[in-house]
Amino acid sequence: MNARAESSSSLLDTVKLVVAVAILVAGIAGFYRFADTALAYRVLGVIAAVLTGLGIAATTSMGRIFMAFLVESRVEVRKVIWPSRQETTQSTLVVVALVFVVGILLWTLDAVLFWGISLMTGQGN
């Protein structure tokens, strides 16, 4: 009996997901179908279709799992100790300086290799 309930629930979830995707596709198709309508109305239609599709998809078992994941992710983001502005600026300057130094080193290596190849092939003279 439990397997039967899960099967109908799974079937209902599948139907809900298909309907959600169909609403999303209809919203996008409507955007292009009504090209002569003002852009603001067409964008509002697409936004309404996306929100409706997401709302329907959120009622499925996968949607509930995803919503729980979003809530847990937000909790984890709040736990992160973000760097201060000074730390961010210093790290950025270090990265810029190292990129510059590595660029100079690669340019020097390229020039030396070019000079060596020119000597070996005799094309530099």
PDB file of N, CA and C in Angstrom:
ATOM      1  N   MET A   1       0.821  -1.191   0.000  1.00  0.00           N
ATOM      2  CA  MET A   1       0.000   0.000   0.000  1.00  0.00           C
ATOM      3  C   MET A   1       0.862   1.251   0.000  1.00  0.00           C
ATOM      4  N   ASN A   2       1.983   1.222   0.709  1.00  0.00           N
ATOM      5  CA  ASN A   2       2.874   2.370   0.774  1.00  0.00           C
ATOM      6  C   ASN A   2       3.507   2.632  -0.583  1.00  0.00           C
ATOM      7  N   ALA A   3       3.902   1.568  -1.289  1.00  0.00           N
ATOM      8  CA  ALA A   3       4.496   1.727  -2.616  1.00  0.00           C
ATOM      9  C   ALA A   3       3.497   2.348  -3.576  1.00  0.00           C
ATOM     10  N   ARG A   4       2.220   1.996  -3.389  1.00  0.00           N
ATOM     11  CA  ARG A   4       1.191   2.540  -4.260  1.00  0.00           C
ATOM     12  C   ARG A   4       1.019   4.039  -4.016  1.00  0.00           C
ATOM     13  N   ALA A   5       1.073   4.459  -2.768  1.00  0.00           N
ATOM     14  CA  ALA A   5       0.950   5.883  -2.437  1.00  0.00           C
ATOM     15  C   ALA A   5       2.140   6.659  -2.975  1.00  0.00           C
ATOM     16  N   GLU A   6       3.344   6.069  -2.856  1.00  0.00           N
ATOM     17  CA  GLU A   6       4.529   6.735  -3.394  1.00  0.00           C
ATOM     18  C   GLU A   6       4.448   6.833  -4.905  1.00  0.00           C
ATOM     19  N   SER A   7       3.893   5.808  -5.556  1.00  0.00           N
ATOM     20  CA  SER A   7       3.781   5.812  -7.014  1.00  0.00           C
ATOM     21  C   SER A   7       2.851   6.925  -7.476  1.00  0.00           C
ATOM     22  N   SER A   8       1.689   7.073  -6.806  1.00  0.00           N
ATOM     23  CA  SER A   8       0.763   8.129  -7.218  1.00  0.00           C
ATOM     24  C   SER A   8       1.342   9.503  -6.900  1.00  0.00           C
ATOM     25  N   SER A   9       2.073   9.596  -5.781  1.00  0.00           N
ATOM     26  CA  SER A   9       2.723  10.861  -5.446  1.00  0.00           C
ATOM     27  C   SER A   9       3.784  11.196  -6.478  1.00  0.00           C
ATOM     28  N   SER A  10       4.537  10.193  -6.880  1.00  0.00           N
ATOM     29  CA  SER A  10       5.568  10.405  -7.889  1.00  0.00           C
ATOM     30  C   SER A  10       4.938  10.805  -9.220  1.00  0.00           C
ATOM     31  N   LEU A  11       3.821  10.177  -9.559  1.00  0.00           N
ATOM     32  CA  LEU A  11       3.127  10.519 -10.798  1.00  0.00           C
ATOM     33  C   LEU A  11       2.598  11.953 -10.723  1.00  0.00           C
ATOM     34  N   LEU A  12       2.043  12.322  -9.579  1.00  0.00           N
ATOM     35  CA  LEU A  12       1.535  13.683  -9.407  1.00  0.00           C
ATOM     36  C   LEU A  12       2.672  14.703  -9.489  1.00  0.00           C
ATOM     37  N   ASP A  13       3.820  14.364  -8.885  1.00  0.00           N
ATOM     38  CA  ASP A  13       4.983  15.251  -8.968  1.00  0.00           C
ATOM     39  C   ASP A  13       5.441  15.416 -10.409  1.00  0.00           C
ATOM     40  N   THR A  14       5.442  14.328 -11.155  1.00  0.00           N
ATOM     41  CA  THR A  14       5.844  14.394 -12.562  1.00  0.00           C
ATOM     42  C   THR A  14       4.886  15.282 -13.347  1.00  0.00           C
ATOM     43  N   VAL A  15       3.593  15.117 -13.100  1.00  0.00           N
ATOM     44  CA  VAL A  15       2.598  15.945 -13.790  1.00  0.00           C
ATOM     45  C   VAL A  15       2.800  17.416 -13.428  1.00  0.00           C
ATOM     46  N   LYS A  16       3.047  17.688 -12.147  1.00  0.00           N
ATOM     47  CA  LYS A  16       3.276  19.074 -11.726  1.00  0.00           C
ATOM     48  C   LYS A  16       4.507  19.665 -12.407  1.00  0.00           C
ATOM     49  N   LEU A  17       5.577  18.884 -12.500  1.00  0.00           N
ATOM     50  CA  LEU A  17       6.789  19.388 -13.156  1.00  0.00           C
ATOM     51  C   LEU A  17       6.552  19.641 -14.639  1.00  0.00           C
ATOM     52  N   VAL A  18       5.801  18.755 -15.287  1.00  0.00           N
ATOM     53  CA  VAL A  18       5.493  18.954 -16.709  1.00  0.00           C
ATOM     54  C   VAL A  18       4.652  20.215 -16.888  1.00  0.00           C
ATOM     55  N   VAL A  19       3.676  20.420 -16.005  1.00  0.00           N
ATOM     56  CA  VAL A  19       2.841  21.627 -16.084  1.00  0.00           C
ATOM     57  C   VAL A  19       3.690  22.873 -15.845  1.00  0.00           C
ATOM     58  N   ALA A  20       4.603  22.812 -14.880  1.00  0.00           N
ATOM     59  CA  ALA A  20       5.465  23.960 -14.590  1.00  0.00           C
ATOM     60  C   ALA A  20       6.330  24.307 -15.795  1.00  0.00           C
ATOM     61  N   VAL A  21       6.907  23.293 -16.431  1.00  0.00           N
ATOM     62  CA  VAL A  21       7.732  23.539 -17.622  1.00  0.00           C
ATOM     63  C   VAL A  21       6.864  24.066 -18.757  1.00  0.00           C
ATOM     64  N   ALA A  22       5.649  23.522 -18.904  1.00  0.00           N
ATOM     65  CA  ALA A  22       4.749  23.992 -19.963  1.00  0.00           C
ATOM     66  C   ALA A  22       4.381  25.460 -19.752  1.00  0.00           C
ATOM     67  N   ILE A  23       4.155  25.858 -18.509  1.00  0.00           N
ATOM     68  CA  ILE A  23       3.841  27.267 -18.225  1.00  0.00           C
ATOM     69  C   ILE A  23       5.039  28.148 -18.559  1.00  0.00           C
ATOM     70  N   LEU A  24       6.222  27.693 -18.211  1.00  0.00           N
ATOM     71  CA  LEU A  24       7.429  28.458 -18.527  1.00  0.00           C
ATOM     72  C   LEU A  24       7.600  28.601 -20.038  1.00  0.00           C
ATOM     73  N   VAL A  25       7.428  27.509 -20.768  1.00  0.00           N
ATOM     74  CA  VAL A  25       7.554  27.555 -22.231  1.00  0.00           C
ATOM     75  C   VAL A  25       6.469  28.454 -22.825  1.00  0.00           C
ATOM     76  N   ALA A  26       5.252  28.380 -22.283  1.00  0.00           N
ATOM     77  CA  ALA A  26       4.169  29.235 -22.777  1.00  0.00           C
ATOM     78  C   ALA A  26       4.479  30.708 -22.523  1.00  0.00           C
ATOM     79  N   GLY A  27       5.077  31.007 -21.383  1.00  0.00           N
ATOM     80  CA  GLY A  27       5.446  32.394 -21.094  1.00  0.00           C
ATOM     81  C   GLY A  27       6.487  32.913 -22.065  1.00  0.00           C
ATOM     82  N   ILE A  28       7.487  32.083 -22.358  1.00  0.00           N
ATOM     83  CA  ILE A  28       8.530  32.496 -23.310  1.00  0.00           C
ATOM     84  C   ILE A  28       7.951  32.604 -24.715  1.00  0.00           C
ATOM     85  N   ALA A  29       7.109  31.644 -25.102  1.00  0.00           N
ATOM     86  CA  ALA A  29       6.489  31.699 -26.429  1.00  0.00           C
ATOM     87  C   ALA A  29       5.588  32.924 -26.547  1.00  0.00           C
ATOM     88  N   GLY A  30       4.859  33.241 -25.476  1.00  0.00           N
ATOM     89  CA  GLY A  30       4.000  34.419 -25.484  1.00  0.00           C
ATOM     90  C   GLY A  30       4.792  35.704 -25.631  1.00  0.00           C
ATOM     91  N   PHE A  31       5.993  35.721 -25.057  1.00  0.00           N
ATOM     92  CA  PHE A  31       6.851  36.899 -25.185  1.00  0.00           C
ATOM     93  C   PHE A  31       7.121  37.195 -26.659  1.00  0.00           C
ATOM     94  N   TYR A  32       7.411  36.161 -27.432  1.00  0.00           N
ATOM     95  CA  TYR A  32       7.713  36.368 -28.848  1.00  0.00           C
ATOM     96  C   TYR A  32       6.442  36.449 -29.695  1.00  0.00           C
ATOM     97  N   ARG A  33       5.382  35.772 -29.275  1.00  0.00           N
ATOM     98  CA  ARG A  33       4.129  35.788 -30.035  1.00  0.00           C
ATOM     99  C   ARG A  33       3.508  37.176 -30.029  1.00  0.00           C
ATOM    100  N   PHE A  34       3.591  37.866 -28.904  1.00  0.00           N
ATOM    101  CA  PHE A  34       2.996  39.192 -28.784  1.00  0.00           C
ATOM    102  C   PHE A  34       4.064  40.272 -28.914  1.00  0.00           C
ATOM    103  N   ALA A  35       4.835  40.189 -29.973  1.00  0.00           N
ATOM    104  CA  ALA A  35       5.937  41.131 -30.195  1.00  0.00           C
ATOM    105  C   ALA A  35       5.435  42.560 -30.400  1.00  0.00           C
ATOM    106  N   ASP A  36       4.181  42.704 -30.838  1.00  0.00           N
ATOM    107  CA  ASP A  36       3.654  44.047 -31.071  1.00  0.00           C
ATOM    108  C   ASP A  36       3.158  44.708 -29.777  1.00  0.00           C
ATOM    109  N   THR A  37       3.112  43.962 -28.693  1.00  0.00           N
ATOM    110  CA  THR A  37       2.697  44.501 -27.391  1.00  0.00           C
ATOM    111  C   THR A  37       3.895  45.172 -26.724  1.00  0.00           C
ATOM    112  N   ALA A  38       3.620  46.101 -25.836  1.00  0.00           N
ATOM    113  CA  ALA A  38       4.691  46.827 -25.141  1.00  0.00           C
ATOM    114  C   ALA A  38       5.613  45.844 -24.415  1.00  0.00           C
ATOM    115  N   LEU A  39       6.898  46.168 -24.430  1.00  0.00           N
ATOM    116  CA  LEU A  39       7.907  45.292 -23.834  1.00  0.00           C
ATOM    117  C   LEU A  39       7.650  45.056 -22.348  1.00  0.00           C
ATOM    118  N   ALA A  40       7.212  46.080 -21.646  1.00  0.00           N
ATOM    119  CA  ALA A  40       6.976  45.941 -20.202  1.00  0.00           C
ATOM    120  C   ALA A  40       5.920  44.874 -19.920  1.00  0.00           C
ATOM    121  N   TYR A  41       4.849  44.834 -20.716  1.00  0.00           N
ATOM    122  CA  TYR A  41       3.803  43.831 -20.510  1.00  0.00           C
ATOM    123  C   TYR A  41       4.319  42.429 -20.821  1.00  0.00           C
ATOM    124  N   ARG A  42       5.123  42.326 -21.870  1.00  0.00           N
ATOM    125  CA  ARG A  42       5.667  41.011 -22.223  1.00  0.00           C
ATOM    126  C   ARG A  42       6.615  40.507 -21.147  1.00  0.00           C
ATOM    127  N   VAL A  43       7.445  41.399 -20.603  1.00  0.00           N
ATOM    128  CA  VAL A  43       8.368  40.998 -19.535  1.00  0.00           C
ATOM    129  C   VAL A  43       7.579  40.608 -18.289  1.00  0.00           C
ATOM    130  N   LEU A  44       6.535  41.359 -17.968  1.00  0.00           N
ATOM    131  CA  LEU A  44       5.693  40.994 -16.825  1.00  0.00           C
ATOM    132  C   LEU A  44       5.048  39.627 -17.032  1.00  0.00           C
ATOM    133  N   GLY A  45       4.659  39.331 -18.261  1.00  0.00           N
ATOM    134  CA  GLY A  45       4.091  38.018 -18.561  1.00  0.00           C
ATOM    135  C   GLY A  45       5.093  36.899 -18.341  1.00  0.00           C
ATOM    136  N   VAL A  46       6.331  37.120 -18.778  1.00  0.00           N
ATOM    137  CA  VAL A  46       7.373  36.105 -18.579  1.00  0.00           C
ATOM    138  C   VAL A  46       7.664  35.944 -17.089  1.00  0.00           C
ATOM    139  N   ILE A  47       7.743  37.052 -16.367  1.00  0.00           N
ATOM    140  CA  ILE A  47       8.001  36.972 -14.924  1.00  0.00           C
ATOM    141  C   ILE A  47       6.866  36.220 -14.229  1.00  0.00           C
ATOM    142  N   ALA A  48       5.627  36.509 -14.619  1.00  0.00           N
ATOM    143  CA  ALA A  48       4.484  35.803 -14.026  1.00  0.00           C
ATOM    144  C   ALA A  48       4.547  34.311 -14.343  1.00  0.00           C
ATOM    145  N   ALA A  49       4.921  33.974 -15.573  1.00  0.00           N
ATOM    146  CA  ALA A  49       5.027  32.562 -15.947  1.00  0.00           C
ATOM    147  C   ALA A  49       6.129  31.866 -15.159  1.00  0.00           C
ATOM    148  N   VAL A  50       7.267  32.533 -15.000  1.00  0.00           N
ATOM    149  CA  VAL A  50       8.378  31.941 -14.242  1.00  0.00           C
ATOM    150  C   VAL A  50       7.973  31.742 -12.785  1.00  0.00           C
ATOM    151  N   LEU A  51       7.360  32.755 -12.184  1.00  0.00           N
ATOM    152  CA  LEU A  51       6.948  32.634 -10.782  1.00  0.00           C
ATOM    153  C   LEU A  51       5.886  31.553 -10.597  1.00  0.00           C
ATOM    154  N   THR A  52       4.941  31.470 -11.531  1.00  0.00           N
ATOM    155  CA  THR A  52       3.917  30.434 -11.449  1.00  0.00           C
ATOM    156  C   THR A  52       4.538  29.052 -11.601  1.00  0.00           C
ATOM    157  N   GLY A  53       5.422  28.908 -12.581  1.00  0.00           N
ATOM    158  CA  GLY A  53       6.094  27.620 -12.778  1.00  0.00           C
ATOM    159  C   GLY A  53       6.923  27.218 -11.577  1.00  0.00           C
ATOM    160  N   LEU A  54       7.652  28.178 -11.011  1.00  0.00           N
ATOM    161  CA  LEU A  54       8.448  27.876  -9.815  1.00  0.00           C
ATOM    162  C   LEU A  54       7.552  27.533  -8.631  1.00  0.00           C
ATOM    163  N   GLY A  55       6.432  28.221  -8.515  1.00  0.00           N
ATOM    164  CA  GLY A  55       5.496  27.925  -7.428  1.00  0.00           C
ATOM    165  C   GLY A  55       4.935  26.522  -7.533  1.00  0.00           C
ATOM    166  N   ILE A  56       4.583  26.116  -8.737  1.00  0.00           N
ATOM    167  CA  ILE A  56       4.074  24.757  -8.937  1.00  0.00           C
ATOM    168  C   ILE A  56       5.182  23.739  -8.698  1.00  0.00           C
ATOM    169  N   ALA A  57       6.376  24.015  -9.209  1.00  0.00           N
ATOM    170  CA  ALA A  57       7.496  23.082  -9.028  1.00  0.00           C
ATOM    171  C   ALA A  57       7.886  22.968  -7.562  1.00  0.00           C
ATOM    172  N   ALA A  58       7.693  24.024  -6.787  1.00  0.00           N
ATOM    173  CA  ALA A  58       8.061  23.993  -5.366  1.00  0.00           C
ATOM    174  C   ALA A  58       7.149  23.084  -4.562  1.00  0.00           C
ATOM    175  N   THR A  59       5.978  22.742  -5.097  1.00  0.00           N
ATOM    176  CA  THR A  59       5.061  21.869  -4.368  1.00  0.00           C
ATOM    177  C   THR A  59       5.376  20.393  -4.569  1.00  0.00           C
ATOM    178  N   THR A  60       6.320  20.069  -5.432  1.00  0.00           N
ATOM    179  CA  THR A  60       6.708  18.673  -5.632  1.00  0.00           C
ATOM    180  C   THR A  60       7.702  18.257  -4.556  1.00  0.00           C
ATOM    181  N   SER A  61       7.966  16.967  -4.469  1.00  0.00           N
ATOM    182  CA  SER A  61       8.921  16.495  -3.456  1.00  0.00           C
ATOM    183  C   SER A  61      10.315  17.040  -3.743  1.00  0.00           C
ATOM    184  N   MET A  62      10.707  17.058  -5.006  1.00  0.00           N
ATOM    185  CA  MET A  62      12.013  17.629  -5.353  1.00  0.00           C
ATOM    186  C   MET A  62      12.039  19.120  -5.049  1.00  0.00           C
ATOM    187  N   GLY A  63      10.940  19.802  -5.277  1.00  0.00           N
ATOM    188  CA  GLY A  63      10.861  21.227  -4.984  1.00  0.00           C
ATOM    189  C   GLY A  63      10.991  21.512  -3.497  1.00  0.00           C
ATOM    190  N   ARG A  64      10.355  20.675  -2.665  1.00  0.00           N
ATOM    191  CA  ARG A  64      10.481  20.856  -1.217  1.00  0.00           C
ATOM    192  C   ARG A  64      11.908  20.597  -0.759  1.00  0.00           C
ATOM    193  N   ILE A  65      12.553  19.595  -1.346  1.00  0.00           N
ATOM    194  CA  ILE A  65      13.955  19.320  -1.010  1.00  0.00           C
ATOM    195  C   ILE A  65      14.820  20.509  -1.406  1.00  0.00           C
ATOM    196  N   PHE A  66      14.574  21.075  -2.587  1.00  0.00           N
ATOM    197  CA  PHE A  66      15.348  22.222  -3.056  1.00  0.00           C
ATOM    198  C   PHE A  66      15.124  23.438  -2.161  1.00  0.00           C
ATOM    199  N   MET A  67      13.888  23.658  -1.745  1.00  0.00           N
ATOM    200  CA  MET A  67      13.602  24.796  -0.865  1.00  0.00           C
ATOM    201  C   MET A  67      14.306  24.621   0.482  1.00  0.00           C
ATOM    202  N   ALA A  68      14.333  23.394   1.004  1.00  0.00           N
ATOM    203  CA  ALA A  68      15.055  23.136   2.256  1.00  0.00           C
ATOM    204  C   ALA A  68      16.546  23.390   2.064  1.00  0.00           C
ATOM    205  N   PHE A  69      17.057  23.003   0.902  1.00  0.00           N
ATOM    206  CA  PHE A  69      18.467  23.260   0.593  1.00  0.00           C
ATOM    207  C   PHE A  69      18.751  24.762   0.576  1.00  0.00           C
ATOM    208  N   LEU A  70      17.859  25.549  -0.017  1.00  0.00           N
ATOM    209  CA  LEU A  70      18.052  27.001  -0.050  1.00  0.00           C
ATOM    210  C   LEU A  70      18.069  27.593   1.356  1.00  0.00           C
ATOM    211  N   VAL A  71      17.174  27.121   2.210  1.00  0.00           N
ATOM    212  CA  VAL A  71      17.133  27.627   3.588  1.00  0.00           C
ATOM    213  C   VAL A  71      18.425  27.271   4.315  1.00  0.00           C
ATOM    214  N   GLU A  72      18.877  26.018   4.163  1.00  0.00           N
ATOM    215  CA  GLU A  72      20.116  25.598   4.816  1.00  0.00           C
ATOM    216  C   GLU A  72      21.320  26.360   4.258  1.00  0.00           C
ATOM    217  N   SER A  73      21.309  26.641   2.968  1.00  0.00           N
ATOM    218  CA  SER A  73      22.408  27.401   2.363  1.00  0.00           C
ATOM    219  C   SER A  73      22.476  28.805   2.944  1.00  0.00           C
ATOM    220  N   ARG A  74      21.331  29.402   3.126  1.00  0.00           N
ATOM    221  CA  ARG A  74      21.311  30.753   3.698  1.00  0.00           C
ATOM    222  C   ARG A  74      21.861  30.754   5.123  1.00  0.00           C
ATOM    223  N   VAL A  75      21.527  29.717   5.891  1.00  0.00           N
ATOM    224  CA  VAL A  75      22.058  29.598   7.253  1.00  0.00           C
ATOM    225  C   VAL A  75      23.575  29.480   7.206  1.00  0.00           C
ATOM    226  N   GLU A  76      24.095  28.678   6.282  1.00  0.00           N
ATOM    227  CA  GLU A  76      25.544  28.497   6.176  1.00  0.00           C
ATOM    228  C   GLU A  76      26.239  29.784   5.732  1.00  0.00           C
ATOM    229  N   VAL A  77      25.611  30.534   4.843  1.00  0.00           N
ATOM    230  CA  VAL A  77      26.204  31.799   4.387  1.00  0.00           C
ATOM    231  C   VAL A  77      26.309  32.779   5.547  1.00  0.00           C
ATOM    232  N   ARG A  78      25.339  32.741   6.435  1.00  0.00           N
ATOM    233  CA  ARG A  78      25.390  33.637   7.599  1.00  0.00           C
ATOM    234  C   ARG A  78      26.505  33.253   8.560  1.00  0.00           C
ATOM    235  N   LYS A  79      26.928  31.991   8.530  1.00  0.00           N
ATOM    236  CA  LYS A  79      27.996  31.533   9.423  1.00  0.00           C
ATOM    237  C   LYS A  79      29.382  31.944   8.930  1.00  0.00           C
ATOM    238  N   VAL A  80      29.500  32.272   7.661  1.00  0.00           N
ATOM    239  CA  VAL A  80      30.798  32.596   7.076  1.00  0.00           C
ATOM    240  C   VAL A  80      31.309  33.911   7.649  1.00  0.00           C
ATOM    241  N   ILE A  81      32.593  33.940   7.961  1.00  0.00           N
ATOM    242  CA  ILE A  81      33.232  35.181   8.404  1.00  0.00           C
ATOM    243  C   ILE A  81      33.824  35.838   7.153  1.00  0.00           C
ATOM    244  N   TRP A  82      33.180  36.888   6.692  1.00  0.00           N
ATOM    245  CA  TRP A  82      33.595  37.540   5.465  1.00  0.00           C
ATOM    246  C   TRP A  82      34.776  38.464   5.743  1.00  0.00           C
ATOM    247  N   PRO A  83      35.691  38.606   4.778  1.00  0.00           N
ATOM    248  CA  PRO A  83      36.853  39.477   4.996  1.00  0.00           C
ATOM    249  C   PRO A  83      36.429  40.948   5.055  1.00  0.00           C
ATOM    250  N   SER A  84      37.247  41.719   5.771  1.00  0.00           N
ATOM    251  CA  SER A  84      36.972  43.153   5.863  1.00  0.00           C
ATOM    252  C   SER A  84      37.372  43.821   4.547  1.00  0.00           C
ATOM    253  N   ARG A  85      37.014  45.075   4.418  1.00  0.00           N
ATOM    254  CA  ARG A  85      37.363  45.821   3.203  1.00  0.00           C
ATOM    255  C   ARG A  85      38.877  45.928   3.053  1.00  0.00           C
ATOM    256  N   GLN A  86      39.584  46.124   4.161  1.00  0.00           N
ATOM    257  CA  GLN A  86      41.044  46.245   4.113  1.00  0.00           C
ATOM    258  C   GLN A  86      41.670  44.929   3.652  1.00  0.00           C
ATOM    259  N   GLU A  87      41.196  43.806   4.191  1.00  0.00           N
ATOM    260  CA  GLU A  87      41.731  42.505   3.775  1.00  0.00           C
ATOM    261  C   GLU A  87      41.462  42.244   2.297  1.00  0.00           C
ATOM    262  N   THR A  88      40.282  42.605   1.839  1.00  0.00           N
ATOM    263  CA  THR A  88      39.937  42.415   0.433  1.00  0.00           C
ATOM    264  C   THR A  88      40.827  43.264  -0.459  1.00  0.00           C
ATOM    265  N   THR A  89      41.042  44.520  -0.083  1.00  0.00           N
ATOM    266  CA  THR A  89      41.892  45.416  -0.869  1.00  0.00           C
ATOM    267  C   THR A  89      43.326  44.909  -0.912  1.00  0.00           C
ATOM    268  N   GLN A  90      43.849  44.488   0.230  1.00  0.00           N
ATOM    269  CA  GLN A  90      45.225  43.987   0.271  1.00  0.00           C
ATOM    270  C   GLN A  90      45.380  42.729  -0.578  1.00  0.00           C
ATOM    271  N   SER A  91      44.418  41.819  -0.486  1.00  0.00           N
ATOM    272  CA  SER A  91      44.487  40.592  -1.286  1.00  0.00           C
ATOM    273  C   SER A  91      44.431  40.913  -2.772  1.00  0.00           C
ATOM    274  N   THR A  92      43.578  41.852  -3.142  1.00  0.00           N
ATOM    275  CA  THR A  92      43.469  42.240  -4.548  1.00  0.00           C
ATOM    276  C   THR A  92      44.771  42.840  -5.045  1.00  0.00           C
ATOM    277  N   LEU A  93      45.389  43.701  -4.245  1.00  0.00           N
ATOM    278  CA  LEU A  93      46.662  44.306  -4.651  1.00  0.00           C
ATOM    279  C   LEU A  93      47.760  43.256  -4.787  1.00  0.00           C
ATOM    280  N   VAL A  94      47.786  42.271  -3.898  1.00  0.00           N
ATOM    281  CA  VAL A  94      48.771  41.190  -4.003  1.00  0.00           C
ATOM    282  C   VAL A  94      48.554  40.411  -5.295  1.00  0.00           C
ATOM    283  N   VAL A  95      47.311  40.111  -5.623  1.00  0.00           N
ATOM    284  CA  VAL A  95      47.020  39.376  -6.857  1.00  0.00           C
ATOM    285  C   VAL A  95      47.442  40.192  -8.070  1.00  0.00           C
ATOM    286  N   VAL A  96      47.129  41.482  -8.095  1.00  0.00           N
ATOM    287  CA  VAL A  96      47.515  42.335  -9.222  1.00  0.00           C
ATOM    288  C   VAL A  96      49.031  42.385  -9.358  1.00  0.00           C
ATOM    289  N   ALA A  97      49.742  42.536  -8.250  1.00  0.00           N
ATOM    290  CA  ALA A  97      51.211  42.590  -8.294  1.00  0.00           C
ATOM    291  C   ALA A  97      51.788  41.278  -8.803  1.00  0.00           C
ATOM    292  N   LEU A  98      51.264  40.164  -8.324  1.00  0.00           N
ATOM    293  CA  LEU A  98      51.784  38.869  -8.775  1.00  0.00           C
ATOM    294  C   LEU A  98      51.474  38.618 -10.247  1.00  0.00           C
ATOM    295  N   VAL A  99      50.310  39.033 -10.708  1.00  0.00           N
ATOM    296  CA  VAL A  99      49.995  38.897 -12.134  1.00  0.00           C
ATOM    297  C   VAL A  99      50.977  39.713 -12.957  1.00  0.00           C
ATOM    298  N   PHE A 100      51.295  40.913 -12.500  1.00  0.00           N
ATOM    299  CA  PHE A 100      52.259  41.756 -13.202  1.00  0.00           C
ATOM    300  C   PHE A 100      53.633  41.093 -13.228  1.00  0.00           C
ATOM    301  N   VAL A 101      54.091  40.568 -12.092  1.00  0.00           N
ATOM    302  CA  VAL A 101      55.410  39.924 -12.015  1.00  0.00           C
ATOM    303  C   VAL A 101      55.459  38.689 -12.907  1.00  0.00           C
ATOM    304  N   VAL A 102      54.431  37.858 -12.852  1.00  0.00           N
ATOM    305  CA  VAL A 102      54.410  36.660 -13.698  1.00  0.00           C
ATOM    306  C   VAL A 102      54.359  37.059 -15.167  1.00  0.00           C
ATOM    307  N   GLY A 103      53.638  38.119 -15.497  1.00  0.00           N
ATOM    308  CA  GLY A 103      53.611  38.600 -16.879  1.00  0.00           C
ATOM    309  C   GLY A 103      54.985  39.028 -17.356  1.00  0.00           C
ATOM    310  N   ILE A 104      55.715  39.755 -16.518  1.00  0.00           N
ATOM    311  CA  ILE A 104      57.082  40.175 -16.869  1.00  0.00           C
ATOM    312  C   ILE A 104      57.979  38.952 -17.049  1.00  0.00           C
ATOM    313  N   LEU A 105      57.867  37.980 -16.141  1.00  0.00           N
ATOM    314  CA  LEU A 105      58.688  36.767 -16.258  1.00  0.00           C
ATOM    315  C   LEU A 105      58.378  35.998 -17.541  1.00  0.00           C
ATOM    316  N   LEU A 106      57.108  35.872 -17.870  1.00  0.00           N
ATOM    317  CA  LEU A 106      56.748  35.165 -19.104  1.00  0.00           C
ATOM    318  C   LEU A 106      57.211  35.936 -20.336  1.00  0.00           C
ATOM    319  N   TRP A 107      57.113  37.259 -20.290  1.00  0.00           N
ATOM    320  CA  TRP A 107      57.583  38.064 -21.408  1.00  0.00           C
ATOM    321  C   TRP A 107      59.094  37.892 -21.578  1.00  0.00           C
ATOM    322  N   THR A 108      59.825  37.887 -20.458  1.00  0.00           N
ATOM    323  CA  THR A 108      61.280  37.689 -20.505  1.00  0.00           C
ATOM    324  C   THR A 108      61.616  36.310 -21.056  1.00  0.00           C
ATOM    325  N   LEU A 109      60.920  35.286 -20.582  1.00  0.00           N
ATOM    326  CA  LEU A 109      61.150  33.929 -21.084  1.00  0.00           C
ATOM    327  C   LEU A 109      60.867  33.857 -22.580  1.00  0.00           C
ATOM    328  N   ASP A 110      59.798  34.484 -23.016  1.00  0.00           N
ATOM    329  CA  ASP A 110      59.464  34.492 -24.437  1.00  0.00           C
ATOM    330  C   ASP A 110      60.557  35.183 -25.246  1.00  0.00           C
ATOM    331  N   ALA A 111      61.055  36.309 -24.751  1.00  0.00           N
ATOM    332  CA  ALA A 111      62.108  37.042 -25.466  1.00  0.00           C
ATOM    333  C   ALA A 111      63.386  36.219 -25.549  1.00  0.00           C
ATOM    334  N   VAL A 112      63.756  35.550 -24.449  1.00  0.00           N
ATOM    335  CA  VAL A 112      64.972  34.726 -24.447  1.00  0.00           C
ATOM    336  C   VAL A 112      64.817  33.550 -25.400  1.00  0.00           C
ATOM    337  N   LEU A 113      63.672  32.884 -25.363  1.00  0.00           N
ATOM    338  CA  LEU A 113      63.455  31.757 -26.276  1.00  0.00           C
ATOM    339  C   LEU A 113      63.436  32.225 -27.730  1.00  0.00           C
ATOM    340  N   PHE A 114      62.820  33.359 -27.984  1.00  0.00           N
ATOM    341  CA  PHE A 114      62.791  33.899 -29.344  1.00  0.00           C
ATOM    342  C   PHE A 114      64.208  34.213 -29.824  1.00  0.00           C
ATOM    343  N   TRP A 115      65.011  34.806 -28.949  1.00  0.00           N
ATOM    344  CA  TRP A 115      66.395  35.125 -29.291  1.00  0.00           C
ATOM    345  C   TRP A 115      67.182  33.844 -29.560  1.00  0.00           C
ATOM    346  N   GLY A 116      67.008  32.815 -28.706  1.00  0.00           N
ATOM    347  CA  GLY A 116      67.724  31.553 -28.889  1.00  0.00           C
ATOM    348  C   GLY A 116      67.330  30.851 -30.174  1.00  0.00           C
ATOM    349  N   ILE A 117      66.057  30.823 -30.472  1.00  0.00           N
ATOM    350  CA  ILE A 117      65.590  30.189 -31.712  1.00  0.00           C
ATOM    351  C   ILE A 117      66.102  30.967 -32.916  1.00  0.00           C
ATOM    352  N   SER A 118      66.112  32.287 -32.822  1.00  0.00           N
ATOM    353  CA  SER A 118      66.620  33.105 -33.929  1.00  0.00           C
ATOM    354  C   SER A 118      68.088  32.807 -34.189  1.00  0.00           C
ATOM    355  N   LEU A 119      68.877  32.632 -33.127  1.00  0.00           N
ATOM    356  CA  LEU A 119      70.290  32.288 -33.307  1.00  0.00           C
ATOM    357  C   LEU A 119      70.449  30.918 -33.953  1.00  0.00           C
ATOM    358  N   MET A 120      69.645  29.945 -33.512  1.00  0.00           N
ATOM    359  CA  MET A 120      69.767  28.581 -34.040  1.00  0.00           C
ATOM    360  C   MET A 120      69.323  28.490 -35.491  1.00  0.00           C
ATOM    361  N   THR A 121      68.308  29.216 -35.864  1.00  0.00           N
ATOM    362  CA  THR A 121      67.804  29.121 -37.235  1.00  0.00           C
ATOM    363  C   THR A 121      68.456  30.128 -38.168  1.00  0.00           C
ATOM    364  N   GLY A 122      69.136  31.110 -37.621  1.00  0.00           N
ATOM    365  CA  GLY A 122      69.811  32.104 -38.444  1.00  0.00           C
ATOM    366  C   GLY A 122      68.867  33.115 -39.054  1.00  0.00           C
ATOM    367  N   GLN A 123      67.656  33.226 -38.553  1.00  0.00           N
ATOM    368  CA  GLN A 123      66.690  34.158 -39.122  1.00  0.00           C
ATOM    369  C   GLN A 123      66.736  35.524 -38.456  1.00  0.00           C
ATOM    370  N   GLY A 124      67.480  35.645 -37.382  1.00  0.00           N
ATOM    371  CA  GLY A 124      67.539  36.922 -36.687  1.00  0.00           C
ATOM    372  C   GLY A 124      68.477  37.913 -37.350  1.00  0.00           C
ATOM    373  N   ASN A 125      69.365  37.455 -38.201  1.00  0.00           N
ATOM    374  CA  ASN A 125      70.370  38.349 -38.792  1.00  0.00           C
ATOM    375  C   ASN A 125      70.002  38.759 -40.166  1.00  0.00           C
TER     376      ASN A 125
END
